[in-house]
Amino acid sequence: MREQAGPREARLRPEFAARYPYLTPGVWVSAAVLSDQVVAALLGRPDGRFISRERALDPEHFEFRAGVTRRPGGPRRQEEA
C-alpha cells in the first residue's frame, strides 16, 4: 500500500445527519477530531455504549480522504511511525 500526504479527513454523509445532530454534514474535518466528537457524544448519552472493536466513524455514514494508508500490522497513527 502506498502513503498519501496530509492528515486523514472525514465528512458526514448528509443522509445520516439525523443520527449525528452535533455534526455538520458535508464538511471535511480532521478524522481524529471527528472521531473524538462521535465517541464523546456516545459516551455522554444515558445509554452510551463503549466502543472497543468497532470504528468510531462508520464507513457507511462517513466519507474519507487523504491521510496515510497503513499497512497491515503497521502503526495505527502517524505519530506511532
N, C-alpha and C. Protein backbone atom coordinates (compact mmCIF):
# COMPACT_ATOMS: atom_id res chain seq x y z
N MET A 1 0.84 -1.18 0.00
CA MET A 1 0.00 0.00 0.00
C MET A 1 0.88 1.24 0.00
N ARG A 2 0.38 2.28 -0.58
CA ARG A 2 1.18 3.49 -0.66
C ARG A 2 0.71 4.54 0.33
N GLU A 3 1.59 5.46 0.64
CA GLU A 3 1.25 6.52 1.57
C GLU A 3 0.70 7.72 0.80
N GLN A 4 -0.23 8.43 1.41
CA GLN A 4 -0.78 9.65 0.86
C GLN A 4 -0.40 10.79 1.78
N ALA A 5 -0.21 11.97 1.20
CA ALA A 5 0.20 13.12 2.00
C ALA A 5 -0.99 13.75 2.73
N GLY A 6 -0.69 14.39 3.85
CA GLY A 6 -1.71 15.15 4.58
C GLY A 6 -2.44 14.34 5.62
N PRO A 7 -3.11 15.06 6.53
CA PRO A 7 -3.87 14.38 7.59
C PRO A 7 -5.12 13.72 7.03
N ARG A 8 -5.56 12.68 7.66
CA ARG A 8 -6.78 11.97 7.27
C ARG A 8 -7.96 12.86 7.60
N GLU A 9 -8.89 12.98 6.67
CA GLU A 9 -10.09 13.78 6.88
C GLU A 9 -11.33 12.94 6.64
N ALA A 10 -12.43 13.37 7.24
CA ALA A 10 -13.71 12.66 7.08
C ALA A 10 -14.82 13.69 7.05
N ARG A 11 -15.95 13.27 6.46
CA ARG A 11 -17.14 14.11 6.50
C ARG A 11 -18.36 13.22 6.59
N LEU A 12 -19.35 13.73 7.28
CA LEU A 12 -20.61 13.02 7.48
C LEU A 12 -21.42 13.09 6.20
N ARG A 13 -21.93 11.94 5.77
CA ARG A 13 -22.81 11.90 4.60
C ARG A 13 -24.16 12.53 5.01
N PRO A 14 -24.71 13.42 4.16
CA PRO A 14 -25.94 14.13 4.51
C PRO A 14 -27.11 13.22 4.88
N GLU A 15 -27.20 12.06 4.28
CA GLU A 15 -28.33 11.17 4.58
C GLU A 15 -28.30 10.60 6.00
N PHE A 16 -27.18 10.77 6.72
CA PHE A 16 -27.07 10.28 8.09
C PHE A 16 -27.02 11.42 9.11
N ALA A 17 -27.33 12.63 8.68
CA ALA A 17 -27.25 13.82 9.55
C ALA A 17 -28.13 13.70 10.79
N ALA A 18 -29.27 13.06 10.67
CA ALA A 18 -30.18 12.94 11.82
C ALA A 18 -29.56 12.11 12.95
N ARG A 19 -28.68 11.20 12.62
CA ARG A 19 -28.03 10.36 13.65
C ARG A 19 -26.95 11.12 14.42
N TYR A 20 -26.45 12.18 13.82
CA TYR A 20 -25.35 12.95 14.41
C TYR A 20 -25.72 14.44 14.41
N PRO A 21 -26.72 14.87 15.21
CA PRO A 21 -27.18 16.26 15.17
C PRO A 21 -26.12 17.27 15.59
N TYR A 22 -25.07 16.84 16.23
CA TYR A 22 -24.00 17.71 16.69
C TYR A 22 -22.91 17.91 15.63
N LEU A 23 -23.04 17.26 14.46
CA LEU A 23 -22.07 17.40 13.37
C LEU A 23 -22.71 18.11 12.18
N THR A 24 -21.88 18.79 11.39
CA THR A 24 -22.35 19.44 10.18
C THR A 24 -22.05 18.51 9.00
N PRO A 25 -23.08 18.02 8.33
CA PRO A 25 -22.85 17.10 7.22
C PRO A 25 -22.16 17.80 6.04
N GLY A 26 -21.35 17.02 5.31
CA GLY A 26 -20.72 17.51 4.10
C GLY A 26 -19.48 18.36 4.29
N VAL A 27 -19.04 18.59 5.53
CA VAL A 27 -17.87 19.43 5.81
C VAL A 27 -16.69 18.54 6.16
N TRP A 28 -15.57 18.71 5.44
CA TRP A 28 -14.36 17.92 5.72
C TRP A 28 -13.72 18.41 7.01
N VAL A 29 -13.42 17.47 7.91
CA VAL A 29 -12.82 17.75 9.22
C VAL A 29 -11.75 16.69 9.47
N SER A 30 -10.79 17.00 10.30
CA SER A 30 -9.81 16.01 10.70
C SER A 30 -10.54 14.76 11.21
N ALA A 31 -10.18 13.60 10.69
CA ALA A 31 -10.84 12.36 11.11
C ALA A 31 -10.63 12.11 12.60
N ALA A 32 -9.48 12.46 13.12
CA ALA A 32 -9.21 12.27 14.55
C ALA A 32 -10.14 13.13 15.40
N VAL A 33 -10.33 14.38 15.01
CA VAL A 33 -11.22 15.28 15.75
C VAL A 33 -12.66 14.80 15.65
N LEU A 34 -13.07 14.42 14.46
CA LEU A 34 -14.43 13.94 14.25
C LEU A 34 -14.69 12.67 15.07
N SER A 35 -13.72 11.79 15.09
CA SER A 35 -13.83 10.57 15.87
C SER A 35 -13.99 10.88 17.36
N ASP A 36 -13.21 11.82 17.85
CA ASP A 36 -13.33 12.23 19.26
C ASP A 36 -14.72 12.78 19.56
N GLN A 37 -15.28 13.57 18.64
CA GLN A 37 -16.60 14.15 18.84
C GLN A 37 -17.67 13.06 18.89
N VAL A 38 -17.56 12.08 18.01
CA VAL A 38 -18.55 10.99 17.97
C VAL A 38 -18.46 10.15 19.25
N VAL A 39 -17.26 9.80 19.66
CA VAL A 39 -17.09 9.00 20.87
C VAL A 39 -17.58 9.77 22.09
N ALA A 40 -17.25 11.05 22.19
CA ALA A 40 -17.70 11.85 23.33
C ALA A 40 -19.23 11.92 23.38
N ALA A 41 -19.87 12.07 22.24
CA ALA A 41 -21.33 12.11 22.20
C ALA A 41 -21.93 10.77 22.61
N LEU A 42 -21.35 9.68 22.15
CA LEU A 42 -21.85 8.35 22.51
C LEU A 42 -21.71 8.09 24.00
N LEU A 43 -20.58 8.44 24.56
CA LEU A 43 -20.34 8.18 25.98
C LEU A 43 -21.14 9.12 26.87
N GLY A 44 -21.57 10.27 26.34
CA GLY A 44 -22.34 11.22 27.11
C GLY A 44 -23.83 10.91 27.16
N ARG A 45 -24.28 9.98 26.33
CA ARG A 45 -25.70 9.61 26.33
C ARG A 45 -25.99 8.70 27.51
N PRO A 46 -27.24 8.73 28.01
CA PRO A 46 -27.60 7.83 29.11
C PRO A 46 -27.39 6.36 28.76
N ASP A 47 -27.61 6.01 27.52
CA ASP A 47 -27.39 4.62 27.09
C ASP A 47 -26.06 4.47 26.37
N GLY A 48 -25.14 5.41 26.64
CA GLY A 48 -23.85 5.43 25.96
C GLY A 48 -23.17 4.07 25.99
N ARG A 49 -22.68 3.68 24.85
CA ARG A 49 -22.00 2.38 24.76
C ARG A 49 -20.51 2.62 24.62
N PHE A 50 -19.76 1.68 25.06
CA PHE A 50 -18.31 1.79 24.95
C PHE A 50 -17.87 1.20 23.62
N ILE A 51 -17.10 1.95 22.87
CA ILE A 51 -16.60 1.48 21.59
C ILE A 51 -15.28 0.79 21.82
N SER A 52 -15.20 -0.46 21.43
CA SER A 52 -13.93 -1.15 21.62
C SER A 52 -13.40 -1.70 20.30
N ARG A 53 -14.10 -2.61 19.68
CA ARG A 53 -13.60 -3.22 18.45
C ARG A 53 -14.15 -2.60 17.18
N GLU A 54 -15.16 -1.78 17.31
CA GLU A 54 -15.73 -1.16 16.12
C GLU A 54 -15.12 0.21 15.90
N ARG A 55 -15.20 0.68 14.68
CA ARG A 55 -14.68 2.00 14.36
C ARG A 55 -15.65 3.06 14.88
N ALA A 56 -15.11 4.16 15.34
CA ALA A 56 -15.96 5.25 15.81
C ALA A 56 -16.71 5.89 14.65
N LEU A 57 -16.05 5.97 13.48
CA LEU A 57 -16.66 6.56 12.30
C LEU A 57 -17.04 5.44 11.34
N ASP A 58 -18.31 5.13 11.29
CA ASP A 58 -18.84 4.07 10.43
C ASP A 58 -18.62 4.46 8.97
N PRO A 59 -17.91 3.65 8.19
CA PRO A 59 -17.65 3.98 6.78
C PRO A 59 -18.93 4.12 5.95
N GLU A 60 -20.02 3.59 6.43
CA GLU A 60 -21.29 3.77 5.72
C GLU A 60 -21.83 5.18 5.95
N HIS A 61 -21.51 5.77 7.10
CA HIS A 61 -22.02 7.09 7.47
C HIS A 61 -21.07 8.23 7.10
N PHE A 62 -19.79 7.92 6.92
CA PHE A 62 -18.77 8.94 6.68
C PHE A 62 -17.96 8.65 5.42
N GLU A 63 -17.46 9.72 4.77
CA GLU A 63 -16.54 9.61 3.65
C GLU A 63 -15.16 10.00 4.17
N PHE A 64 -14.12 9.47 3.56
CA PHE A 64 -12.75 9.73 4.00
C PHE A 64 -11.89 10.16 2.82
N ARG A 65 -10.85 10.95 3.12
CA ARG A 65 -9.88 11.34 2.09
C ARG A 65 -8.53 11.63 2.74
N ALA A 66 -7.50 11.59 1.90
CA ALA A 66 -6.11 11.89 2.28
C ALA A 66 -5.62 10.98 3.40
N GLY A 67 -4.64 11.46 4.11
CA GLY A 67 -4.09 10.69 5.21
C GLY A 67 -3.10 9.65 4.75
N VAL A 68 -2.62 8.90 5.69
CA VAL A 68 -1.67 7.84 5.42
C VAL A 68 -2.41 6.52 5.46
N THR A 69 -2.27 5.75 4.41
CA THR A 69 -2.85 4.41 4.39
C THR A 69 -1.86 3.49 5.07
N ARG A 70 -2.28 2.85 6.13
CA ARG A 70 -1.33 2.00 6.86
C ARG A 70 -1.32 0.58 6.31
N ARG A 71 -0.17 -0.02 6.43
CA ARG A 71 0.00 -1.41 6.01
C ARG A 71 -0.53 -2.32 7.11
N PRO A 72 -1.04 -3.50 6.77
CA PRO A 72 -1.46 -4.44 7.81
C PRO A 72 -0.32 -4.69 8.78
N GLY A 73 -0.60 -4.55 10.06
CA GLY A 73 0.42 -4.77 11.08
C GLY A 73 1.26 -3.54 11.35
N GLY A 74 1.06 -2.48 10.59
CA GLY A 74 1.83 -1.25 10.76
C GLY A 74 1.26 -0.40 11.87
N PRO A 75 1.88 0.74 12.14
CA PRO A 75 1.39 1.64 13.19
C PRO A 75 -0.01 2.11 12.88
N ARG A 76 -0.80 2.37 13.92
CA ARG A 76 -2.19 2.79 13.74
C ARG A 76 -2.28 4.28 13.47
N ARG A 77 -1.33 5.08 13.95
CA ARG A 77 -1.35 6.53 13.75
C ARG A 77 0.00 6.98 13.26
N GLN A 78 0.00 8.13 12.58
CA GLN A 78 1.27 8.66 12.08
C GLN A 78 2.25 8.90 13.21
N GLU A 79 1.76 9.32 14.38
CA GLU A 79 2.64 9.61 15.49
C GLU A 79 3.42 8.37 15.96
N GLU A 80 2.83 7.18 15.70
CA GLU A 80 3.47 5.95 16.14
C GLU A 80 4.53 5.47 15.15
N ALA A 81 4.56 6.07 13.96
CA ALA A 81 5.51 5.62 12.93
C ALA A 81 6.93 5.98 13.29
